[in-house]
Protein backbone atom coordinates (compact mmCIF):
# COMPACT_ATOMS: atom_id res chain seq x y z
CA MET A 1 58.11 -10.77 -22.43
CA ILE A 2 57.58 -8.67 -19.30
CA ARG A 3 56.18 -6.21 -21.46
CA ILE A 4 53.51 -8.71 -22.92
CA ALA A 5 52.40 -9.98 -19.12
CA LEU A 6 52.35 -6.32 -18.13
CA GLY A 7 50.10 -5.66 -20.71
CA MET A 8 47.87 -8.44 -20.18
CA LEU A 9 47.51 -7.85 -16.43
CA ILE A 10 46.77 -3.70 -17.62
CA THR A 11 43.73 -5.42 -19.96
CA LEU A 12 42.93 -7.63 -17.25
CA PHE A 13 42.35 -4.54 -14.64
CA LEU A 14 40.63 -2.55 -16.94
CA PHE A 15 38.02 -5.11 -17.99
CA SER A 16 37.84 -5.67 -14.19
CA CYS A 17 36.76 -2.48 -13.43
CA GLY A 18 34.51 -1.99 -16.46
CA GLU A 19 32.93 -5.31 -15.15
CA LYS A 20 32.02 -3.81 -11.62
CA LYS A 21 30.95 -0.44 -13.48
CA GLU A 22 28.60 -2.48 -15.27
CA THR A 23 27.21 -4.50 -12.65
CA SER A 24 27.04 -1.19 -9.90
CA THR A 25 25.06 0.42 -12.64
CA LYS A 26 22.77 -2.51 -12.70
CA GLU A 27 22.33 -2.84 -9.26
CA LYS A 28 21.21 1.28 -9.07
CA GLU A 29 18.47 0.21 -11.91
CA LYS A 30 16.96 -2.38 -9.97
CA VAL A 31 13.64 -1.91 -8.59
CA THR A 32 12.10 -3.19 -5.91
CA ASN A 33 8.71 -3.34 -4.90
CA ARG A 34 9.33 -2.26 -1.57
CA SER A 35 10.80 1.07 -2.80
CA PHE A 36 7.17 1.86 -3.53
CA PHE A 37 5.81 0.93 -0.24
CA TYR A 38 4.99 4.27 2.67
CA THR A 39 8.29 5.74 4.03
CA TYR A 40 8.94 5.19 7.47
CA ASP A 41 8.50 8.61 8.86
CA THR A 42 7.28 9.17 12.92
CA ILE A 43 5.61 12.92 12.18
CA PRO A 44 2.48 11.80 10.03
CA LYS A 45 1.39 13.09 7.03
CA ILE A 46 -1.85 12.94 5.63
CA TYR A 47 -2.86 11.93 2.03
CA GLN A 48 -5.93 13.63 0.37
CA TYR A 49 -7.28 11.72 -2.41
CA ARG A 50 -10.44 13.20 -4.53
CA GLU A 51 -12.88 11.09 -6.58
CA VAL A 52 -12.65 12.57 -9.87
CA VAL A 53 -15.84 10.55 -11.55
CA ASN A 54 -17.48 12.46 -8.61
CA GLY A 55 -14.90 15.51 -7.42
CA MET A 56 -17.27 15.77 -3.94
CA TYR A 57 -16.35 12.50 -2.09
CA GLU A 58 -12.82 12.48 -0.39
CA GLN A 59 -10.34 10.68 1.56
CA PHE A 60 -8.04 10.82 4.06
CA HIS A 61 -5.12 8.51 4.92
CA ARG A 62 -2.79 9.30 7.67
CA VAL A 63 0.30 7.35 7.51
CA TYR A 64 3.28 7.50 10.40
CA GLY A 65 5.60 5.55 11.86
CA VAL A 66 5.95 3.80 15.23
CA SER A 67 9.00 1.36 16.75
CA ARG A 68 8.21 -0.92 19.46
CA GLY A 69 10.40 -3.19 21.11
CA ASP A 70 9.21 -5.77 18.48
CA GLY A 71 11.03 -2.94 15.69
CA LYS A 72 9.57 -0.54 13.42
CA HIS A 73 5.47 -0.43 12.05
CA ILE A 74 4.03 1.85 10.18
CA ILE A 75 0.41 2.77 10.76
CA LEU A 76 -2.31 3.52 7.82
CA GLU A 77 -5.31 4.99 9.06
CA ARG A 78 -8.29 5.74 7.03
CA PHE A 79 -10.83 8.51 7.41
CA THR A 80 -13.79 9.74 5.41
CA GLU A 81 -14.29 13.06 4.14
CA ASP A 82 -15.21 14.37 7.21
CA GLY A 83 -12.79 13.29 9.17
CA ARG A 84 -14.13 9.94 10.88
CA LEU A 85 -11.97 6.89 11.11
CA THR A 86 -13.61 3.89 9.17
CA GLU A 87 -10.11 1.53 9.72
CA THR A 88 -6.52 0.97 10.72
CA TYR A 89 -4.07 -1.38 9.32
CA ASP A 90 -0.63 -1.94 11.33
CA PHE A 91 2.02 -3.03 8.90
CA VAL A 92 5.77 -4.48 10.42
CA LEU A 93 8.24 -2.42 8.35
CA ASP A 94 10.81 -5.37 7.86
CA SER A 95 7.96 -7.81 6.51
CA LEU A 96 5.77 -5.51 5.41
CA SER A 97 2.99 -7.64 6.63
CA VAL A 98 0.03 -6.68 8.39
CA PHE A 99 -0.04 -7.03 12.37
CA ASP A 100 -2.89 -5.58 13.50
CA HIS A 101 -6.48 -4.69 11.46
CA MET A 102 -8.99 -2.83 13.11
CA VAL A 103 -12.33 -1.57 11.92
CA VAL A 104 -14.60 0.53 13.35
CA ASN A 105 -18.09 -1.26 13.63
CA VAL A 106 -22.13 -0.55 12.94
CA LYS A 107 -21.96 1.19 16.75
CA GLY A 108 -19.09 3.42 16.19
CA ASP A 109 -16.90 1.68 18.07
CA LEU A 110 -13.04 0.54 17.30
CA GLU A 111 -12.59 -3.50 17.21
CA ARG A 112 -9.69 -5.27 16.84
CA ALA A 113 -10.28 -7.84 13.30
CA PHE A 114 -9.29 -11.53 13.79
CA VAL A 115 -6.08 -11.88 11.05
CA TYR A 116 -6.37 -15.29 8.94
CA HIS A 117 -3.46 -13.58 6.47
CA ASN A 118 -1.60 -11.16 6.83
CA ARG A 119 -0.05 -10.66 2.98
CA LEU A 120 -1.62 -6.90 1.71
CA PHE A 121 1.65 -5.16 0.19
CA PRO A 122 3.39 -7.45 -2.60
CA LEU A 123 6.94 -7.81 -2.78
CA ASP A 124 7.55 -10.42 -5.58
CA ASN A 125 5.10 -11.47 -8.27
CA ASN A 126 3.38 -14.08 -6.12
CA GLU A 127 -0.08 -12.80 -5.24
CA THR A 128 -1.05 -11.93 -2.08
CA HIS A 129 -3.76 -13.01 0.05
CA PHE A 130 -5.22 -10.77 3.41
CA ALA A 131 -8.12 -11.95 5.00
CA THR A 132 -9.70 -10.94 8.08
CA LYS A 133 -13.08 -11.36 10.06
CA PHE A 134 -15.19 -8.72 12.03
CA SER A 135 -18.36 -7.70 13.18
CA GLY A 136 -21.00 -7.46 10.59
CA ILE A 137 -24.35 -4.93 10.53
CA LEU A 138 -26.55 -7.29 12.82
CA ASP A 139 -25.39 -8.96 15.82
CA VAL A 140 -25.96 -12.40 14.22
CA ASN A 141 -23.62 -11.37 11.27
CA VAL A 142 -19.65 -11.30 10.31
CA LEU A 143 -17.84 -10.16 7.68
CA LEU A 144 -14.89 -11.86 6.18
CA TYR A 145 -12.92 -9.32 4.25
CA GLU A 146 -10.44 -10.76 1.44
CA SER A 147 -7.93 -9.64 -0.62
CA PHE A 148 -5.79 -10.65 -3.37
CA ARG A 149 -3.17 -8.64 -4.88
CA LYS A 150 -0.77 -9.43 -8.01
CA PHE A 151 1.83 -7.62 -9.56
CA ASN A 152 1.27 -6.42 -12.87
CA SER A 153 4.07 -3.77 -13.83
CA PHE A 154 5.80 -0.61 -13.55
CA THR A 155 4.59 2.31 -15.08
CA LYS A 156 4.82 6.12 -15.45
CA ARG A 157 1.81 8.37 -13.68
CA GLU A 158 1.15 11.64 -12.72
CA VAL A 159 1.12 12.02 -9.21
CA LEU A 160 0.94 16.03 -8.44
CA SER A 161 1.85 17.69 -11.07
CA LYS A 162 4.70 15.24 -11.68
CA SER A 163 5.42 11.90 -13.72
CA LEU A 164 6.11 9.51 -11.04
CA GLU A 165 7.19 5.75 -11.37
CA CYS A 166 4.43 3.59 -10.19
CA MET A 167 3.76 0.26 -9.06
CA LYS A 168 0.47 -1.36 -10.66
CA LEU A 169 -1.62 -4.11 -8.98
CA ASN A 170 -4.24 -6.01 -9.28
CA GLU A 171 -6.82 -6.36 -6.37
CA ARG A 172 -9.75 -8.67 -6.53
CA ILE A 173 -11.56 -7.82 -3.42
CA ARG A 174 -14.11 -10.80 -1.67
CA VAL A 175 -16.48 -10.10 0.77
CA THR A 176 -18.48 -12.52 2.46
CA ASN A 177 -21.41 -11.82 4.86
CA ILE A 178 -21.73 -14.94 7.33
CA ASN A 179 -25.03 -15.37 9.48
CA THR A 180 -23.77 -17.08 12.55
CA ASP A 181 -26.87 -18.36 13.80
CA SER A 182 -28.48 -19.98 10.02
CA LYS A 183 -24.84 -20.55 8.76
CA MET A 184 -25.78 -18.99 5.54
CA GLN A 185 -23.83 -16.64 3.63
CA ASN A 186 -23.15 -14.56 0.91
CA GLU A 187 -20.49 -12.90 -1.12
CA SER A 188 -19.51 -9.41 -3.63
CA LEU A 189 -16.35 -9.62 -5.88
CA ASN A 190 -14.99 -6.26 -7.09
CA ASP A 191 -12.02 -5.93 -9.20
CA ILE A 192 -9.63 -2.81 -9.04
CA VAL A 193 -6.59 -1.59 -10.06
CA ILE A 194 -4.37 0.07 -7.78
CA TYR A 195 -0.80 2.12 -8.30
CA PHE A 196 1.42 2.64 -5.44
CA GLY A 197 4.08 5.62 -6.55
CA LYS A 198 7.98 5.38 -5.75
CA SER A 199 8.53 6.96 -2.29
CA ILE A 200 5.19 7.91 -1.55
CA GLY A 201 3.36 4.67 -1.53
CA LEU A 202 -0.77 4.66 -2.70
CA VAL A 203 -1.54 7.02 -5.20
CA GLU A 204 -4.30 6.05 -7.01
CA TRP A 205 -6.89 3.34 -7.17
CA HIS A 206 -10.23 2.83 -9.63
CA ASP A 207 -12.60 -0.37 -10.63
CA LYS A 208 -12.20 -1.61 -13.77
CA ASP A 209 -15.05 0.04 -15.43
CA TYR A 210 -13.94 3.39 -13.64
CA GLN A 211 -17.57 4.21 -12.08
CA GLN A 212 -14.95 4.73 -9.08
CA HIS A 213 -12.03 6.58 -9.26
CA PHE A 214 -9.52 7.96 -6.62
CA VAL A 215 -6.19 9.73 -6.97
CA LEU A 216 -3.79 11.20 -4.32
CA GLU A 217 -4.38 15.18 -4.56
CA LYS A 218 -2.23 16.63 -1.55
CA ILE A 219 0.35 15.25 1.22
CA ILE A 220 -0.40 17.71 4.33
CA SER A 221 0.56 18.65 7.55
CA GLN A 222 -1.74 16.75 10.35
CA ASP A 223 -2.21 20.41 11.38
CA GLU A 224 -3.16 21.40 8.23
CA TRP A 225 -5.53 18.77 8.19
CA PHE A 226 -7.15 19.63 11.16
CA LYS A 227 -7.41 23.03 10.16
CA LEU A 228 -9.27 21.85 6.85
CA ILE A 229 -11.74 18.73 8.51
CA SER A 230 -12.74 21.38 11.21
CA GLY A 231 -13.21 24.57 9.15
């Protein structure tokens, strides 16, 4: 009887260990959307993107982390190929919501946009809505910029000459030009596909007809970038 009881206990123990091992393996295999966002690092990294339809066009994104009284933030700054700043996004690291959006207006001044909706990066299968308003081309015009992003799938892409696990998103961008005097407005829509690489961030985007297609070409240091745009 004792032998039978011991045998049952050993069987239960082995089954329990196997179950824990299986659960642990599944937890390791689980992929979260968050793991495809930029990693926090206070040392700036420069993402160099090239437009593959017309290889002359480039974009540079500077990404770095800062710590403030309200926690850690990730700053994303977008620059033209000649090093001119166009806009800045400030993401709260814990929630990945947009804390602040700055835009360089037509006068060349850095302007703080008014953020109506602050979700730009989808952490689940729900569609995100980001909406921000800032000055237009004329003094009587304002622009309402909106982004709707939806998770599509996890996929493999070639990034920096390596096969990398990526998160594919479908994005609809709506830009509404509003005349504050006449209250007249017109809007434009653009559907694009974007890819975020695991532990890297944004690695590729293109419109549905591939008339414009940017891919990540390099990740370089800030010093390398300064030399590149100054020379």
